[in-house]
Amino acid sequence: MSFMKQDINTNLLFLIGVIITATVLLTLYFSHSVGNVNVDYNQLEDKYESTFENLTSTTAQLNTCNSFTSNLTKDINESKTLEQKSRD
């Protein structure tokens, strides 16, 4: 019986060691993976901010162009009206 207890204790210690080792390795692996995700997120966040700034400036330029086009359209319509009046 004593031999059996010693064999069971050895196997139990071996299993506990394997479980602890697996837990540590998995923790390190997932910690490393999450670290890479954070780096990727920071890079994407910088690209997002840059794209947002570009989009904002492009929108402002587009609004300026639209208002300029609107003013030109008004001027052309007024010129056409004046031309029609002068012909009549």
PDB file of N, CA and C in Angstrom:
ATOM      1  N   MET A   1       0.805  -1.190   0.000  1.00  0.00           N
ATOM      2  CA  MET A   1       0.000   0.000   0.000  1.00  0.00           C
ATOM      3  C   MET A   1       0.851   1.258   0.000  1.00  0.00           C
ATOM      4  N   SER A   2       1.905   1.224   0.705  1.00  0.00           N
ATOM      5  CA  SER A   2       2.766   2.393   0.780  1.00  0.00           C
ATOM      6  C   SER A   2       3.321   2.739  -0.604  1.00  0.00           C
ATOM      7  N   PHE A   3       3.646   1.721  -1.391  1.00  0.00           N
ATOM      8  CA  PHE A   3       4.158   1.928  -2.749  1.00  0.00           C
ATOM      9  C   PHE A   3       3.090   2.589  -3.626  1.00  0.00           C
ATOM     10  N   MET A   4       1.861   2.180  -3.447  1.00  0.00           N
ATOM     11  CA  MET A   4       0.769   2.724  -4.229  1.00  0.00           C
ATOM     12  C   MET A   4       0.523   4.202  -3.893  1.00  0.00           C
ATOM     13  N   LYS A   5       0.597   4.533  -2.607  1.00  0.00           N
ATOM     14  CA  LYS A   5       0.422   5.915  -2.193  1.00  0.00           C
ATOM     15  C   LYS A   5       1.537   6.790  -2.753  1.00  0.00           C
ATOM     16  N   GLN A   6       2.749   6.282  -2.728  1.00  0.00           N
ATOM     17  CA  GLN A   6       3.877   7.050  -3.237  1.00  0.00           C
ATOM     18  C   GLN A   6       3.724   7.251  -4.747  1.00  0.00           C
ATOM     19  N   ASP A   7       3.264   6.229  -5.475  1.00  0.00           N
ATOM     20  CA  ASP A   7       3.073   6.328  -6.916  1.00  0.00           C
ATOM     21  C   ASP A   7       1.960   7.319  -7.245  1.00  0.00           C
ATOM     22  N   ILE A   8       0.875   7.293  -6.457  1.00  0.00           N
ATOM     23  CA  ILE A   8      -0.234   8.214  -6.668  1.00  0.00           C
ATOM     24  C   ILE A   8       0.213   9.643  -6.366  1.00  0.00           C
ATOM     25  N   ASN A   9       0.951   9.834  -5.314  1.00  0.00           N
ATOM     26  CA  ASN A   9       1.448  11.164  -4.960  1.00  0.00           C
ATOM     27  C   ASN A   9       2.372  11.709  -6.048  1.00  0.00           C
ATOM     28  N   THR A  10       3.219  10.845  -6.590  1.00  0.00           N
ATOM     29  CA  THR A  10       4.133  11.268  -7.657  1.00  0.00           C
ATOM     30  C   THR A  10       3.346  11.673  -8.900  1.00  0.00           C
ATOM     31  N   ASN A  11       2.366  10.854  -9.254  1.00  0.00           N
ATOM     32  CA  ASN A  11       1.535  11.183 -10.414  1.00  0.00           C
ATOM     33  C   ASN A  11       0.746  12.472 -10.178  1.00  0.00           C
ATOM     34  N   LEU A  12       0.239  12.644  -8.975  1.00  0.00           N
ATOM     35  CA  LEU A  12      -0.505  13.845  -8.642  1.00  0.00           C
ATOM     36  C   LEU A  12       0.387  15.078  -8.719  1.00  0.00           C
ATOM     37  N   LEU A  13       1.589  15.001  -8.186  1.00  0.00           N
ATOM     38  CA  LEU A  13       2.535  16.112  -8.278  1.00  0.00           C
ATOM     39  C   LEU A  13       2.896  16.408  -9.734  1.00  0.00           C
ATOM     40  N   PHE A  14       3.061  15.362 -10.533  1.00  0.00           N
ATOM     41  CA  PHE A  14       3.375  15.539 -11.956  1.00  0.00           C
ATOM     42  C   PHE A  14       2.225  16.260 -12.675  1.00  0.00           C
ATOM     43  N   LEU A  15       0.996  15.838 -12.401  1.00  0.00           N
ATOM     44  CA  LEU A  15      -0.161  16.479 -13.025  1.00  0.00           C
ATOM     45  C   LEU A  15      -0.303  17.943 -12.593  1.00  0.00           C
ATOM     46  N   ILE A  16      -0.062  18.199 -11.320  1.00  0.00           N
ATOM     47  CA  ILE A  16      -0.123  19.586 -10.831  1.00  0.00           C
ATOM     48  C   ILE A  16       0.945  20.428 -11.518  1.00  0.00           C
ATOM     49  N   GLY A  17       2.127  19.869 -11.674  1.00  0.00           N
ATOM     50  CA  GLY A  17       3.208  20.577 -12.374  1.00  0.00           C
ATOM     51  C   GLY A  17       2.853  20.853 -13.821  1.00  0.00           C
ATOM     52  N   VAL A  18       2.258  19.880 -14.494  1.00  0.00           N
ATOM     53  CA  VAL A  18       1.848  20.070 -15.888  1.00  0.00           C
ATOM     54  C   VAL A  18       0.776  21.152 -15.983  1.00  0.00           C
ATOM     55  N   ILE A  19      -0.176  21.142 -15.077  1.00  0.00           N
ATOM     56  CA  ILE A  19      -1.247  22.140 -15.084  1.00  0.00           C
ATOM     57  C   ILE A  19      -0.682  23.535 -14.832  1.00  0.00           C
ATOM     58  N   ILE A  20       0.229  23.658 -13.882  1.00  0.00           N
ATOM     59  CA  ILE A  20       0.836  24.966 -13.591  1.00  0.00           C
ATOM     60  C   ILE A  20       1.639  25.457 -14.793  1.00  0.00           C
ATOM     61  N   THR A  21       2.424  24.568 -15.392  1.00  0.00           N
ATOM     62  CA  THR A  21       3.222  24.938 -16.571  1.00  0.00           C
ATOM     63  C   THR A  21       2.318  25.365 -17.725  1.00  0.00           C
ATOM     64  N   ALA A  22       1.250  24.609 -17.962  1.00  0.00           N
ATOM     65  CA  ALA A  22       0.322  24.950 -19.049  1.00  0.00           C
ATOM     66  C   ALA A  22      -0.339  26.299 -18.784  1.00  0.00           C
ATOM     67  N   THR A  23      -0.718  26.542 -17.543  1.00  0.00           N
ATOM     68  CA  THR A  23      -1.346  27.808 -17.193  1.00  0.00           C
ATOM     69  C   THR A  23      -0.394  28.976 -17.420  1.00  0.00           C
ATOM     70  N   VAL A  24       0.841  28.827 -17.016  1.00  0.00           N
ATOM     71  CA  VAL A  24       1.828  29.895 -17.203  1.00  0.00           C
ATOM     72  C   VAL A  24       2.078  30.132 -18.688  1.00  0.00           C
ATOM     73  N   LEU A  25       2.236  29.061 -19.463  1.00  0.00           N
ATOM     74  CA  LEU A  25       2.489  29.209 -20.897  1.00  0.00           C
ATOM     75  C   LEU A  25       1.305  29.856 -21.614  1.00  0.00           C
ATOM     76  N   LEU A  26       0.096  29.445 -21.269  1.00  0.00           N
ATOM     77  CA  LEU A  26      -1.083  30.052 -21.888  1.00  0.00           C
ATOM     78  C   LEU A  26      -1.224  31.526 -21.503  1.00  0.00           C
ATOM     79  N   THR A  27      -0.917  31.838 -20.263  1.00  0.00           N
ATOM     80  CA  THR A  27      -0.968  33.229 -19.819  1.00  0.00           C
ATOM     81  C   THR A  27       0.031  34.079 -20.584  1.00  0.00           C
ATOM     82  N   LEU A  28       1.239  33.587 -20.742  1.00  0.00           N
ATOM     83  CA  LEU A  28       2.252  34.322 -21.498  1.00  0.00           C
ATOM     84  C   LEU A  28       1.848  34.481 -22.958  1.00  0.00           C
ATOM     85  N   TYR A  29       1.307  33.425 -23.547  1.00  0.00           N
ATOM     86  CA  TYR A  29       0.896  33.476 -24.952  1.00  0.00           C
ATOM     87  C   TYR A  29      -0.216  34.512 -25.164  1.00  0.00           C
ATOM     88  N   PHE A  30      -1.249  34.463 -24.333  1.00  0.00           N
ATOM     89  CA  PHE A  30      -2.353  35.399 -24.495  1.00  0.00           C
ATOM     90  C   PHE A  30      -1.935  36.827 -24.149  1.00  0.00           C
ATOM     91  N   SER A  31      -1.029  36.977 -23.196  1.00  0.00           N
ATOM     92  CA  SER A  31      -0.513  38.305 -22.870  1.00  0.00           C
ATOM     93  C   SER A  31       0.235  38.883 -24.070  1.00  0.00           C
ATOM     94  N   HIS A  32       1.027  38.066 -24.716  1.00  0.00           N
ATOM     95  CA  HIS A  32       1.757  38.502 -25.908  1.00  0.00           C
ATOM     96  C   HIS A  32       0.782  38.828 -27.042  1.00  0.00           C
ATOM     97  N   SER A  33      -0.226  38.012 -27.220  1.00  0.00           N
ATOM     98  CA  SER A  33      -1.216  38.240 -28.274  1.00  0.00           C
ATOM     99  C   SER A  33      -1.984  39.535 -28.040  1.00  0.00           C
ATOM    100  N   VAL A  34      -2.397  39.775 -26.828  1.00  0.00           N
ATOM    101  CA  VAL A  34      -3.134  40.997 -26.506  1.00  0.00           C
ATOM    102  C   VAL A  34      -2.227  42.207 -26.668  1.00  0.00           C
ATOM    103  N   GLY A  35      -0.957  42.057 -26.364  1.00  0.00           N
ATOM    104  CA  GLY A  35      -0.005  43.149 -26.577  1.00  0.00           C
ATOM    105  C   GLY A  35       0.065  43.522 -28.039  1.00  0.00           C
ATOM    106  N   ASN A  36       0.071  42.545 -28.926  1.00  0.00           N
ATOM    107  CA  ASN A  36       0.088  42.815 -30.359  1.00  0.00           C
ATOM    108  C   ASN A  36      -1.204  43.477 -30.812  1.00  0.00           C
ATOM    109  N   VAL A  37      -2.314  43.080 -30.218  1.00  0.00           N
ATOM    110  CA  VAL A  37      -3.596  43.694 -30.566  1.00  0.00           C
ATOM    111  C   VAL A  37      -3.580  45.163 -30.173  1.00  0.00           C
ATOM    112  N   ASN A  38      -3.014  45.477 -29.019  1.00  0.00           N
ATOM    113  CA  ASN A  38      -2.938  46.868 -28.586  1.00  0.00           C
ATOM    114  C   ASN A  38      -2.075  47.692 -29.527  1.00  0.00           C
ATOM    115  N   VAL A  39      -0.957  47.130 -29.978  1.00  0.00           N
ATOM    116  CA  VAL A  39      -0.084  47.842 -30.918  1.00  0.00           C
ATOM    117  C   VAL A  39      -0.825  48.076 -32.225  1.00  0.00           C
ATOM    118  N   ASP A  40      -1.506  47.045 -32.725  1.00  0.00           N
ATOM    119  CA  ASP A  40      -2.282  47.181 -33.961  1.00  0.00           C
ATOM    120  C   ASP A  40      -3.381  48.227 -33.797  1.00  0.00           C
ATOM    121  N   TYR A  41      -4.037  48.231 -32.656  1.00  0.00           N
ATOM    122  CA  TYR A  41      -5.104  49.203 -32.394  1.00  0.00           C
ATOM    123  C   TYR A  41      -4.555  50.627 -32.400  1.00  0.00           C
ATOM    124  N   ASN A  42      -3.400  50.824 -31.764  1.00  0.00           N
ATOM    125  CA  ASN A  42      -2.806  52.165 -31.728  1.00  0.00           C
ATOM    126  C   ASN A  42      -2.437  52.638 -33.126  1.00  0.00           C
ATOM    127  N   GLN A  43      -1.918  51.743 -33.963  1.00  0.00           N
ATOM    128  CA  GLN A  43      -1.581  52.118 -35.337  1.00  0.00           C
ATOM    129  C   GLN A  43      -2.843  52.474 -36.114  1.00  0.00           C
ATOM    130  N   LEU A  44      -3.890  51.676 -35.955  1.00  0.00           N
ATOM    131  CA  LEU A  44      -5.141  51.961 -36.650  1.00  0.00           C
ATOM    132  C   LEU A  44      -5.780  53.247 -36.144  1.00  0.00           C
ATOM    133  N   GLU A  45      -5.626  53.518 -34.866  1.00  0.00           N
ATOM    134  CA  GLU A  45      -6.189  54.745 -34.307  1.00  0.00           C
ATOM    135  C   GLU A  45      -5.490  55.962 -34.910  1.00  0.00           C
ATOM    136  N   ASP A  46      -4.161  55.888 -35.090  1.00  0.00           N
ATOM    137  CA  ASP A  46      -3.434  56.992 -35.718  1.00  0.00           C
ATOM    138  C   ASP A  46      -3.897  57.193 -37.161  1.00  0.00           C
ATOM    139  N   LYS A  47      -4.077  56.097 -37.887  1.00  0.00           N
ATOM    140  CA  LYS A  47      -4.556  56.194 -39.268  1.00  0.00           C
ATOM    141  C   LYS A  47      -5.971  56.786 -39.294  1.00  0.00           C
ATOM    142  N   TYR A  48      -6.799  56.376 -38.354  1.00  0.00           N
ATOM    143  CA  TYR A  48      -8.175  56.900 -38.272  1.00  0.00           C
ATOM    144  C   TYR A  48      -8.161  58.403 -38.039  1.00  0.00           C
ATOM    145  N   GLU A  49      -7.341  58.862 -37.105  1.00  0.00           N
ATOM    146  CA  GLU A  49      -7.275  60.291 -36.816  1.00  0.00           C
ATOM    147  C   GLU A  49      -6.790  61.069 -38.036  1.00  0.00           C
ATOM    148  N   SER A  50      -5.791  60.533 -38.721  1.00  0.00           N
ATOM    149  CA  SER A  50      -5.280  61.181 -39.922  1.00  0.00           C
ATOM    150  C   SER A  50      -6.360  61.240 -41.005  1.00  0.00           C
ATOM    151  N   THR A  51      -7.060  60.138 -41.194  1.00  0.00           N
ATOM    152  CA  THR A  51      -8.130  60.097 -42.193  1.00  0.00           C
ATOM    153  C   THR A  51      -9.258  61.045 -41.820  1.00  0.00           C
ATOM    154  N   PHE A  52      -9.587  61.115 -40.562  1.00  0.00           N
ATOM    155  CA  PHE A  52     -10.650  62.018 -40.112  1.00  0.00           C
ATOM    156  C   PHE A  52     -10.263  63.473 -40.362  1.00  0.00           C
ATOM    157  N   GLU A  53      -8.999  63.827 -40.075  1.00  0.00           N
ATOM    158  CA  GLU A  53      -8.540  65.190 -40.333  1.00  0.00           C
ATOM    159  C   GLU A  53      -8.592  65.503 -41.824  1.00  0.00           C
ATOM    160  N   ASN A  54      -8.151  64.546 -42.654  1.00  0.00           N
ATOM    161  CA  ASN A  54      -8.210  64.752 -44.102  1.00  0.00           C
ATOM    162  C   ASN A  54      -9.648  64.916 -44.578  1.00  0.00           C
ATOM    163  N   LEU A  55     -10.526  64.100 -44.042  1.00  0.00           N
ATOM    164  CA  LEU A  55     -11.938  64.176 -44.428  1.00  0.00           C
ATOM    165  C   LEU A  55     -12.555  65.500 -43.998  1.00  0.00           C
ATOM    166  N   THR A  56     -12.199  65.965 -42.836  1.00  0.00           N
ATOM    167  CA  THR A  56     -12.724  67.240 -42.349  1.00  0.00           C
ATOM    168  C   THR A  56     -12.258  68.387 -43.241  1.00  0.00           C
ATOM    169  N   SER A  57     -10.973  68.392 -43.589  1.00  0.00           N
ATOM    170  CA  SER A  57     -10.473  69.478 -44.448  1.00  0.00           C
ATOM    171  C   SER A  57     -11.069  69.379 -45.847  1.00  0.00           C
ATOM    172  N   THR A  58     -11.247  68.164 -46.345  1.00  0.00           N
ATOM    173  CA  THR A  58     -11.859  67.987 -47.662  1.00  0.00           C
ATOM    174  C   THR A  58     -13.306  68.446 -47.652  1.00  0.00           C
ATOM    175  N   THR A  59     -14.017  68.171 -46.588  1.00  0.00           N
ATOM    176  CA  THR A  59     -15.401  68.621 -46.459  1.00  0.00           C
ATOM    177  C   THR A  59     -15.477  70.144 -46.448  1.00  0.00           C
ATOM    178  N   ALA A  60     -14.558  70.766 -45.725  1.00  0.00           N
ATOM    179  CA  ALA A  60     -14.542  72.227 -45.680  1.00  0.00           C
ATOM    180  C   ALA A  60     -14.261  72.797 -47.073  1.00  0.00           C
ATOM    181  N   GLN A  61     -13.308  72.204 -47.786  1.00  0.00           N
ATOM    182  CA  GLN A  61     -13.008  72.665 -49.139  1.00  0.00           C
ATOM    183  C   GLN A  61     -14.198  72.457 -50.069  1.00  0.00           C
ATOM    184  N   LEU A  62     -14.865  71.334 -49.933  1.00  0.00           N
ATOM    185  CA  LEU A  62     -16.037  71.050 -50.762  1.00  0.00           C
ATOM    186  C   LEU A  62     -17.157  72.049 -50.487  1.00  0.00           C
ATOM    187  N   ASN A  63     -17.369  72.371 -49.232  1.00  0.00           N
ATOM    188  CA  ASN A  63     -18.391  73.369 -48.894  1.00  0.00           C
ATOM    189  C   ASN A  63     -18.040  74.729 -49.486  1.00  0.00           C
ATOM    190  N   THR A  64     -16.760  75.081 -49.440  1.00  0.00           N
ATOM    191  CA  THR A  64     -16.321  76.342 -50.035  1.00  0.00           C
ATOM    192  C   THR A  64     -16.572  76.337 -51.536  1.00  0.00           C
ATOM    193  N   CYS A  65     -16.236  75.241 -52.186  1.00  0.00           N
ATOM    194  CA  CYS A  65     -16.463  75.121 -53.635  1.00  0.00           C
ATOM    195  C   CYS A  65     -17.952  75.174 -53.965  1.00  0.00           C
ATOM    196  N   ASN A  66     -18.766  74.534 -53.162  1.00  0.00           N
ATOM    197  CA  ASN A  66     -20.214  74.560 -53.395  1.00  0.00           C
ATOM    198  C   ASN A  66     -20.776  75.974 -53.271  1.00  0.00           C
ATOM    199  N   SER A  67     -20.335  76.702 -52.262  1.00  0.00           N
ATOM    200  CA  SER A  67     -20.824  78.076 -52.103  1.00  0.00           C
ATOM    201  C   SER A  67     -20.318  78.948 -53.253  1.00  0.00           C
ATOM    202  N   PHE A  68     -19.077  78.731 -53.693  1.00  0.00           N
ATOM    203  CA  PHE A  68     -18.538  79.481 -54.825  1.00  0.00           C
ATOM    204  C   PHE A  68     -19.331  79.170 -56.092  1.00  0.00           C
ATOM    205  N   THR A  69     -19.653  77.892 -56.294  1.00  0.00           N
ATOM    206  CA  THR A  69     -20.452  77.484 -57.456  1.00  0.00           C
ATOM    207  C   THR A  69     -21.843  78.097 -57.389  1.00  0.00           C
ATOM    208  N   SER A  70     -22.413  78.114 -56.220  1.00  0.00           N
ATOM    209  CA  SER A  70     -23.734  78.716 -56.040  1.00  0.00           C
ATOM    210  C   SER A  70     -23.698  80.205 -56.386  1.00  0.00           C
ATOM    211  N   ASN A  71     -22.670  80.894 -55.934  1.00  0.00           N
ATOM    212  CA  ASN A  71     -22.531  82.323 -56.246  1.00  0.00           C
ATOM    213  C   ASN A  71     -22.334  82.530 -57.743  1.00  0.00           C
ATOM    214  N   LEU A  72     -21.540  81.675 -58.375  1.00  0.00           N
ATOM    215  CA  LEU A  72     -21.339  81.792 -59.813  1.00  0.00           C
ATOM    216  C   LEU A  72     -22.645  81.547 -60.577  1.00  0.00           C
ATOM    217  N   THR A  73     -23.416  80.584 -60.109  1.00  0.00           N
ATOM    218  CA  THR A  73     -24.695  80.294 -60.749  1.00  0.00           C
ATOM    219  C   THR A  73     -25.622  81.495 -60.646  1.00  0.00           C
ATOM    220  N   LYS A  74     -25.651  82.122 -59.466  1.00  0.00           N
ATOM    221  CA  LYS A  74     -26.470  83.329 -59.293  1.00  0.00           C
ATOM    222  C   LYS A  74     -26.012  84.421 -60.259  1.00  0.00           C
ATOM    223  N   ASP A  75     -24.698  84.631 -60.326  1.00  0.00           N
ATOM    224  CA  ASP A  75     -24.163  85.666 -61.208  1.00  0.00           C
ATOM    225  C   ASP A  75     -24.495  85.382 -62.672  1.00  0.00           C
ATOM    226  N   ILE A  76     -24.393  84.143 -63.082  1.00  0.00           N
ATOM    227  CA  ILE A  76     -24.706  83.782 -64.468  1.00  0.00           C
ATOM    228  C   ILE A  76     -26.191  84.016 -64.748  1.00  0.00           C
ATOM    229  N   ASN A  77     -27.032  83.618 -63.825  1.00  0.00           N
ATOM    230  CA  ASN A  77     -28.475  83.830 -64.008  1.00  0.00           C
ATOM    231  C   ASN A  77     -28.802  85.319 -64.087  1.00  0.00           C
ATOM    232  N   GLU A  78     -28.169  86.117 -63.242  1.00  0.00           N
ATOM    233  CA  GLU A  78     -28.388  87.562 -63.288  1.00  0.00           C
ATOM    234  C   GLU A  78     -27.901  88.138 -64.615  1.00  0.00           C
ATOM    235  N   SER A  79     -26.745  87.651 -65.074  1.00  0.00           N
ATOM    236  CA  SER A  79     -26.212  88.126 -66.356  1.00  0.00           C
ATOM    237  C   SER A  79     -27.140  87.761 -67.499  1.00  0.00           C
ATOM    238  N   LYS A  80     -27.675  86.555 -67.470  1.00  0.00           N
ATOM    239  CA  LYS A  80     -28.619  86.139 -68.512  1.00  0.00           C
ATOM    240  C   LYS A  80     -29.873  87.004 -68.480  1.00  0.00           C
ATOM    241  N   THR A  81     -30.349  87.305 -67.273  1.00  0.00           N
ATOM    242  CA  THR A  81     -31.538  88.138 -67.134  1.00  0.00           C
ATOM    243  C   THR A  81     -31.274  89.534 -67.679  1.00  0.00           C
ATOM    244  N   LEU A  82     -30.114  90.080 -67.324  1.00  0.00           N
ATOM    245  CA  LEU A  82     -29.767  91.410 -67.833  1.00  0.00           C
ATOM    246  C   LEU A  82     -29.598  91.402 -69.344  1.00  0.00           C
ATOM    247  N   GLU A  83     -29.027  90.334 -69.870  1.00  0.00           N
ATOM    248  CA  GLU A  83     -28.849  90.214 -71.301  1.00  0.00           C
ATOM    249  C   GLU A  83     -30.216  90.167 -71.998  1.00  0.00           C
ATOM    250  N   GLN A  84     -31.123  89.401 -71.439  1.00  0.00           N
ATOM    251  CA  GLN A  84     -32.473  89.307 -72.007  1.00  0.00           C
ATOM    252  C   GLN A  84     -33.173  90.666 -71.969  1.00  0.00           C
ATOM    253  N   LYS A  85     -33.029  91.390 -70.870  1.00  0.00           N
ATOM    254  CA  LYS A  85     -33.646  92.711 -70.743  1.00  0.00           C
ATOM    255  C   LYS A  85     -33.048  93.691 -71.747  1.00  0.00           C
ATOM    256  N   SER A  86     -31.734  93.596 -71.911  1.00  0.00           N
ATOM    257  CA  SER A  86     -31.084  94.531 -72.851  1.00  0.00           C
ATOM    258  C   SER A  86     -31.451  94.213 -74.295  1.00  0.00           C
ATOM    259  N   ARG A  87     -31.685  92.972 -74.618  1.00  0.00           N
ATOM    260  CA  ARG A  87     -32.095  92.599 -75.978  1.00  0.00           C
ATOM    261  C   ARG A  87     -33.527  93.029 -76.258  1.00  0.00           C
ATOM    262  N   ASP A  88     -34.301  92.976 -75.214  1.00  0.00           N
ATOM    263  CA  ASP A  88     -35.713  93.357 -75.418  1.00  0.00           C
ATOM    264  C   ASP A  88     -35.784  94.851 -75.513  1.00  0.00           C
TER     265      ASP A  88
END
